[in-house]
C-alpha atoms as a PDB file:
ATOM      1  CA  MET A   1      -2.472  23.046   6.860  1.00  0.00           C
ATOM      2  CA  ASN A   2      -6.170  23.856   6.862  1.00  0.00           C
ATOM      3  CA  GLN A   3      -5.887  27.612   6.864  1.00  0.00           C
ATOM      4  CA  ASP A   4      -8.785  30.035   6.486  1.00  0.00           C
ATOM      5  CA  THR A   5      -7.763  32.457   3.760  1.00  0.00           C
ATOM      6  CA  ARG A   6     -10.745  34.782   4.065  1.00  0.00           C
ATOM      7  CA  GLN A   7      -9.881  38.395   4.681  1.00  0.00           C
ATOM      8  CA  GLN A   8     -11.615  40.387   7.349  1.00  0.00           C
ATOM      9  CA  PRO A   9     -13.086  43.831   6.592  1.00  0.00           C
ATOM     10  CA  ALA A  10     -11.557  46.756   8.453  1.00  0.00           C
ATOM     11  CA  ASP A  11     -14.344  46.870  11.049  1.00  0.00           C
ATOM     12  CA  GLY A  12     -13.665  43.278  12.119  1.00  0.00           C
ATOM     13  CA  ALA A  13     -16.886  41.768  10.768  1.00  0.00           C
ATOM     14  CA  GLU A  14     -16.452  38.817   8.434  1.00  0.00           C
ATOM     15  CA  GLU A  15     -17.432  39.497   4.825  1.00  0.00           C
ATOM     16  CA  HIS A  16     -19.317  36.750   3.011  1.00  0.00           C
ATOM     17  CA  GLY A  17     -19.759  36.163  -0.706  1.00  0.00           C
ATOM     18  CA  GLY A  18     -17.218  36.614  -3.438  1.00  0.00           C
ATOM     19  CA  ILE A  19     -15.545  33.725  -5.212  1.00  0.00           C
ATOM     20  CA  SER A  20     -14.251  30.573  -3.546  1.00  0.00           C
ATOM     21  CA  LEU A  21     -10.863  29.109  -4.396  1.00  0.00           C
ATOM     22  CA  ARG A  22     -12.468  26.034  -5.915  1.00  0.00           C
ATOM     23  CA  GLY A  23     -14.998  28.069  -7.924  1.00  0.00           C
ATOM     24  CA  GLY A  24     -12.251  30.329  -9.231  1.00  0.00           C
ATOM     25  CA  GLY A  25     -10.088  27.339 -10.115  1.00  0.00           C
ATOM     26  CA  LEU A  26     -12.874  25.568 -11.980  1.00  0.00           C
ATOM     27  CA  PHE A  27     -13.951  28.705 -13.824  1.00  0.00           C
ATOM     28  CA  THR A  28     -10.387  29.533 -14.886  1.00  0.00           C
ATOM     29  CA  SER A  29      -9.755  25.949 -15.975  1.00  0.00           C
ATOM     30  CA  GLY A  30     -12.965  25.953 -18.003  1.00  0.00           C
ATOM     31  CA  VAL A  31     -12.194  29.226 -19.777  1.00  0.00           C
ATOM     32  CA  LEU A  32      -8.632  28.134 -20.561  1.00  0.00           C
ATOM     33  CA  MET A  33      -9.866  24.752 -21.837  1.00  0.00           C
ATOM     34  CA  LEU A  34     -12.258  26.576 -24.156  1.00  0.00           C
ATOM     35  CA  ILE A  35      -9.394  28.739 -25.467  1.00  0.00           C
ATOM     36  CA  ALA A  36      -7.248  25.617 -25.950  1.00  0.00           C
ATOM     37  CA  VAL A  37      -9.994  23.924 -27.966  1.00  0.00           C
ATOM     38  CA  VAL A  38     -10.385  27.026 -30.161  1.00  0.00           C
ATOM     39  CA  VAL A  39      -6.608  27.055 -30.794  1.00  0.00           C
ATOM     40  CA  MET A  40      -6.613  23.341 -31.616  1.00  0.00           C
ATOM     41  CA  VAL A  41      -9.592  23.564 -34.009  1.00  0.00           C
ATOM     42  CA  ASP A  42      -8.046  26.548 -35.792  1.00  0.00           C
ATOM     43  CA  SER A  43      -4.705  24.737 -36.010  1.00  0.00           C
ATOM     44  CA  VAL A  44      -6.310  21.717 -37.669  1.00  0.00           C
ATOM     45  CA  GLU A  45      -7.633  24.030 -40.408  1.00  0.00           C
ATOM     46  CA  HIS A  46      -4.031  25.141 -41.111  1.00  0.00           C
ATOM     47  CA  GLY A  47      -2.610  21.641 -41.021  1.00  0.00           C
ATOM     48  CA  ILE A  48      -0.986  19.913 -38.050  1.00  0.00           C
ATOM     49  CA  GLY A  49       1.146  17.377 -39.857  1.00  0.00           C
ATOM     50  CA  TRP A  50       4.512  17.397 -41.608  1.00  0.00           C
ATOM     51  CA  ASP A  51       5.149  17.988 -45.269  1.00  0.00           C
ATOM     52  CA  VAL A  52       8.336  18.160 -47.339  1.00  0.00           C
ATOM     53  CA  ALA A  53       9.195  21.592 -45.900  1.00  0.00           C
ATOM     54  CA  GLY A  54       8.713  20.504 -42.268  1.00  0.00           C
ATOM     55  CA  PRO A  55       5.874  21.164 -39.856  1.00  0.00           C
ATOM     56  CA  GLN A  56       2.699  22.680 -41.247  1.00  0.00           C
ATOM     57  CA  PRO A  57       1.541  26.069 -39.858  1.00  0.00           C
ATOM     58  CA  GLY A  58      -0.810  24.561 -37.268  1.00  0.00           C
ATOM     59  CA  TYR A  59       1.585  21.927 -35.916  1.00  0.00           C
ATOM     60  CA  PHE A  60       3.073  23.793 -32.959  1.00  0.00           C
ATOM     61  CA  PRO A  61      -0.063  25.759 -31.978  1.00  0.00           C
ATOM     62  CA  PHE A  62      -2.056  22.513 -31.999  1.00  0.00           C
ATOM     63  CA  TYR A  63       0.289  20.781 -29.566  1.00  0.00           C
ATOM     64  CA  VAL A  64       0.586  23.863 -27.347  1.00  0.00           C
ATOM     65  CA  GLY A  65      -3.235  23.922 -27.242  1.00  0.00           C
ATOM     66  CA  LEU A  66      -3.293  20.207 -26.461  1.00  0.00           C
ATOM     67  CA  LEU A  67      -0.841  20.644 -23.565  1.00  0.00           C
ATOM     68  CA  MET A  68      -2.888  23.577 -22.296  1.00  0.00           C
ATOM     69  CA  LEU A  69      -6.096  21.546 -22.514  1.00  0.00           C
ATOM     70  CA  LEU A  70      -4.568  18.595 -20.652  1.00  0.00           C
ATOM     71  CA  SER A  71      -3.072  20.754 -17.907  1.00  0.00           C
ATOM     72  CA  CYS A  72      -6.352  22.618 -17.370  1.00  0.00           C
ATOM     73  CA  LEU A  73      -8.246  19.352 -17.366  1.00  0.00           C
ATOM     74  CA  GLY A  74      -5.803  18.073 -14.732  1.00  0.00           C
ATOM     75  CA  THR A  75      -6.384  21.192 -12.625  1.00  0.00           C
ATOM     76  CA  ALA A  76     -10.165  20.788 -12.891  1.00  0.00           C
ATOM     77  CA  VAL A  77     -10.007  17.093 -11.933  1.00  0.00           C
ATOM     78  CA  TRP A  78      -7.673  17.847  -9.000  1.00  0.00           C
ATOM     79  CA  THR A  79     -10.046  20.594  -7.802  1.00  0.00           C
ATOM     80  CA  LEU A  80     -13.035  18.272  -7.974  1.00  0.00           C
ATOM     81  CA  ARG A  81     -11.198  15.417  -6.216  1.00  0.00           C
ATOM     82  CA  HIS A  82      -9.986  17.718  -3.408  1.00  0.00           C
ATOM     83  CA  TRP A  83     -13.227  19.678  -3.106  1.00  0.00           C
ATOM     84  CA  THR A  84     -13.133  20.056   0.669  1.00  0.00           C
ATOM     85  CA  GLN A  85      -9.662  21.611   0.612  1.00  0.00           C
ATOM     86  CA  GLY A  86     -10.766  24.595  -1.480  1.00  0.00           C
ATOM     87  CA  ARG A  87     -13.009  26.272   1.061  1.00  0.00           C
ATOM     88  CA  GLY A  88     -11.015  29.485   1.292  1.00  0.00           C
ATOM     89  CA  ARG A  89     -11.905  32.656  -0.498  1.00  0.00           C
ATOM     90  CA  LEU A  90     -10.226  33.741  -3.721  1.00  0.00           C
ATOM     91  CA  THR A  91     -11.935  37.111  -3.423  1.00  0.00           C
ATOM     92  CA  THR A  92     -14.422  38.773  -1.176  1.00  0.00           C
ATOM     93  CA  ARG A  93     -17.547  40.368  -2.581  1.00  0.00           C
ATOM     94  CA  THR A  94     -15.916  43.822  -2.340  1.00  0.00           C
ATOM     95  CA  GLU A  95     -12.766  42.677  -4.137  1.00  0.00           C
ATOM     96  CA  PHE A  96     -14.822  40.986  -6.843  1.00  0.00           C
ATOM     97  CA  ARG A  97     -16.827  44.186  -7.352  1.00  0.00           C
ATOM     98  CA  ARG A  98     -13.577  46.124  -7.884  1.00  0.00           C
ATOM     99  CA  VAL A  99     -12.368  43.632 -10.489  1.00  0.00           C
ATOM    100  CA  ARG A 100     -15.753  43.688 -12.213  1.00  0.00           C
ATOM    101  CA  ASN A 101     -15.701  47.501 -12.288  1.00  0.00           C
ATOM    102  CA  VAL A 102     -12.489  47.349 -14.317  1.00  0.00           C
ATOM    103  CA  PHE A 103     -13.179  44.238 -16.395  1.00  0.00           C
ATOM    104  CA  LEU A 104     -16.579  45.232 -17.813  1.00  0.00           C
ATOM    105  CA  PRO A 105     -15.365  48.606 -19.179  1.00  0.00           C
ATOM    106  CA  ILE A 106     -12.415  46.801 -20.795  1.00  0.00           C
ATOM    107  CA  VAL A 107     -14.825  44.406 -22.516  1.00  0.00           C
ATOM    108  CA  ALA A 108     -16.962  47.375 -23.617  1.00  0.00           C
ATOM    109  CA  TYR A 109     -13.812  49.090 -24.962  1.00  0.00           C
ATOM    110  CA  VAL A 110     -12.833  46.056 -27.030  1.00  0.00           C
ATOM    111  CA  VAL A 111     -16.356  45.650 -28.454  1.00  0.00           C
ATOM    112  CA  LEU A 112     -16.675  49.379 -29.125  1.00  0.00           C
ATOM    113  CA  MET A 113     -13.346  49.384 -30.989  1.00  0.00           C
ATOM    114  CA  PHE A 114     -14.893  47.307 -33.783  1.00  0.00           C
ATOM    115  CA  PHE A 115     -17.574  49.931 -34.391  1.00  0.00           C
ATOM    116  CA  VAL A 116     -15.863  53.299 -33.822  1.00  0.00           C
ATOM    117  CA  GLY A 117     -12.168  52.453 -34.030  1.00  0.00           C
ATOM    118  CA  MET A 118      -9.391  52.479 -31.494  1.00  0.00           C
ATOM    119  CA  TYR A 119      -9.068  56.247 -31.094  1.00  0.00           C
ATOM    120  CA  VAL A 120     -12.708  57.061 -30.297  1.00  0.00           C
ATOM    121  CA  ALA A 121     -13.073  53.956 -28.116  1.00  0.00           C
ATOM    122  CA  GLY A 122      -9.844  54.900 -26.317  1.00  0.00           C
ATOM    123  CA  ALA A 123     -11.084  58.429 -25.651  1.00  0.00           C
ATOM    124  CA  LEU A 124     -14.357  57.096 -24.236  1.00  0.00           C
ATOM    125  CA  PHE A 125     -12.521  54.475 -22.172  1.00  0.00           C
ATOM    126  CA  ILE A 126     -10.166  57.042 -20.602  1.00  0.00           C
ATOM    127  CA  ALA A 127     -13.032  59.469 -19.949  1.00  0.00           C
ATOM    128  CA  TRP A 128     -15.090  56.712 -18.309  1.00  0.00           C
ATOM    129  CA  PHE A 129     -12.306  55.723 -15.949  1.00  0.00           C
ATOM    130  CA  MET A 130     -11.450  59.286 -15.010  1.00  0.00           C
ATOM    131  CA  TRP A 131     -15.088  60.106 -14.333  1.00  0.00           C
ATOM    132  CA  ARG A 132     -16.393  56.876 -12.824  1.00  0.00           C
ATOM    133  CA  LEU A 133     -13.552  55.325 -10.909  1.00  0.00           C
ATOM    134  CA  ALA A 134     -12.212  58.384  -9.142  1.00  0.00           C
ATOM    135  CA  GLU A 135     -12.545  58.318  -5.374  1.00  0.00           C
ATOM    136  CA  PRO A 136     -15.808  59.824  -4.126  1.00  0.00           C
ATOM    137  CA  GLY A 137     -15.319  63.498  -3.429  1.00  0.00           C
ATOM    138  CA  LYS A 138     -12.153  63.571  -5.546  1.00  0.00           C
ATOM    139  CA  ARG A 139     -13.677  63.544  -9.026  1.00  0.00           C
ATOM    140  CA  HIS A 140     -11.651  65.116 -11.805  1.00  0.00           C
ATOM    141  CA  PRO A 141     -13.034  68.323 -13.293  1.00  0.00           C
ATOM    142  CA  LEU A 142     -14.709  67.958 -16.678  1.00  0.00           C
ATOM    143  CA  TRP A 143     -12.072  70.065 -18.460  1.00  0.00           C
ATOM    144  CA  LYS A 144      -9.334  67.697 -17.275  1.00  0.00           C
ATOM    145  CA  ILE A 145     -11.287  64.602 -18.338  1.00  0.00           C
ATOM    146  CA  LEU A 146     -11.863  66.077 -21.801  1.00  0.00           C
ATOM    147  CA  LEU A 147      -8.270  67.268 -22.160  1.00  0.00           C
ATOM    148  CA  ILE A 148      -6.706  63.922 -21.284  1.00  0.00           C
ATOM    149  CA  SER A 149      -9.253  61.665 -22.980  1.00  0.00           C
ATOM    150  CA  ILE A 150      -8.853  63.569 -26.246  1.00  0.00           C
ATOM    151  CA  SER A 151      -5.113  64.269 -26.128  1.00  0.00           C
ATOM    152  CA  VAL A 152      -4.007  60.676 -25.423  1.00  0.00           C
ATOM    153  CA  PRO A 153      -5.702  59.191 -28.542  1.00  0.00           C
ATOM    154  CA  LEU A 154      -4.470  62.182 -30.578  1.00  0.00           C
ATOM    155  CA  ALA A 155      -0.917  61.600 -29.373  1.00  0.00           C
ATOM    156  CA  THR A 156      -1.305  57.886 -30.164  1.00  0.00           C
ATOM    157  CA  TYR A 157      -2.479  58.770 -33.663  1.00  0.00           C
ATOM    158  CA  PHE A 158       0.450  61.078 -34.356  1.00  0.00           C
ATOM    159  CA  ILE A 159       3.067  58.765 -32.832  1.00  0.00           C
ATOM    160  CA  PHE A 160       1.969  55.585 -34.582  1.00  0.00           C
ATOM    161  CA  THR A 161       0.093  56.562 -37.735  1.00  0.00           C
ATOM    162  CA  VAL A 162       1.905  59.745 -38.718  1.00  0.00           C
ATOM    163  CA  TRP A 163       5.460  59.368 -37.427  1.00  0.00           C
ATOM    164  CA  PHE A 164       6.039  55.591 -37.361  1.00  0.00           C
ATOM    165  CA  GLU A 165       3.606  54.953 -40.237  1.00  0.00           C
ATOM    166  CA  VAL A 166       1.966  52.069 -38.385  1.00  0.00           C
ATOM    167  CA  THR A 167      -1.741  52.165 -39.122  1.00  0.00           C
ATOM    168  CA  LEU A 168      -3.979  51.395 -36.171  1.00  0.00           C
ATOM    169  CA  TYR A 169      -7.651  50.584 -36.667  1.00  0.00           C
ATOM    170  CA  ALA A 170      -9.573  53.860 -36.852  1.00  0.00           C
ATOM    171  CA  GLY A 171     -12.947  52.420 -37.817  1.00  0.00           C
ATOM    172  CA  PRO A 172     -15.266  54.717 -39.778  1.00  0.00           C
ATOM    173  CA  PHE A 173     -12.974  57.671 -39.017  1.00  0.00           C
ATOM    174  CA  ALA A 174     -10.030  56.311 -41.038  1.00  0.00           C
ATOM    175  CA  ASP A 175     -10.530  58.842 -43.840  1.00  0.00           C
ATOM    176  CA  PHE A 176     -10.247  61.920 -41.614  1.00  0.00           C
END
């Protein structure tokens, strides 16, 4: 059952680089263990015991975090113990680049939301994707990028804030 899971590029030449199965497994386990520890620490602050009314607010999140931590720890230990079996590729360098090209703008969008609000960050995020990630030679015209990247946040504003009266974070533009 030792199967090479690497994908071949279209021209038949083998592509090197990317992320190995074992590297991806260890990285994912590590990130999820970190999240589990954050959940557990926060749960302790809210109380993880029982009182006269039943479980305290942090009781269930703490034990869900503990189960998550243990399962991720188990995955990491299994990966390390079976190191030679994880030689296949999780992604090639090209596939990883595609994921990175989507992930980094999402991170920038989330960070930008704190400073300029959801609507402005959303407009910039949509404009970026329409401009940057279009196929070469098939770029959208500027008028279309502006129309869509402005109208979608405007529609979101009217649907949620005006009609449903659900306030979304608008940042410094909340008073407009």
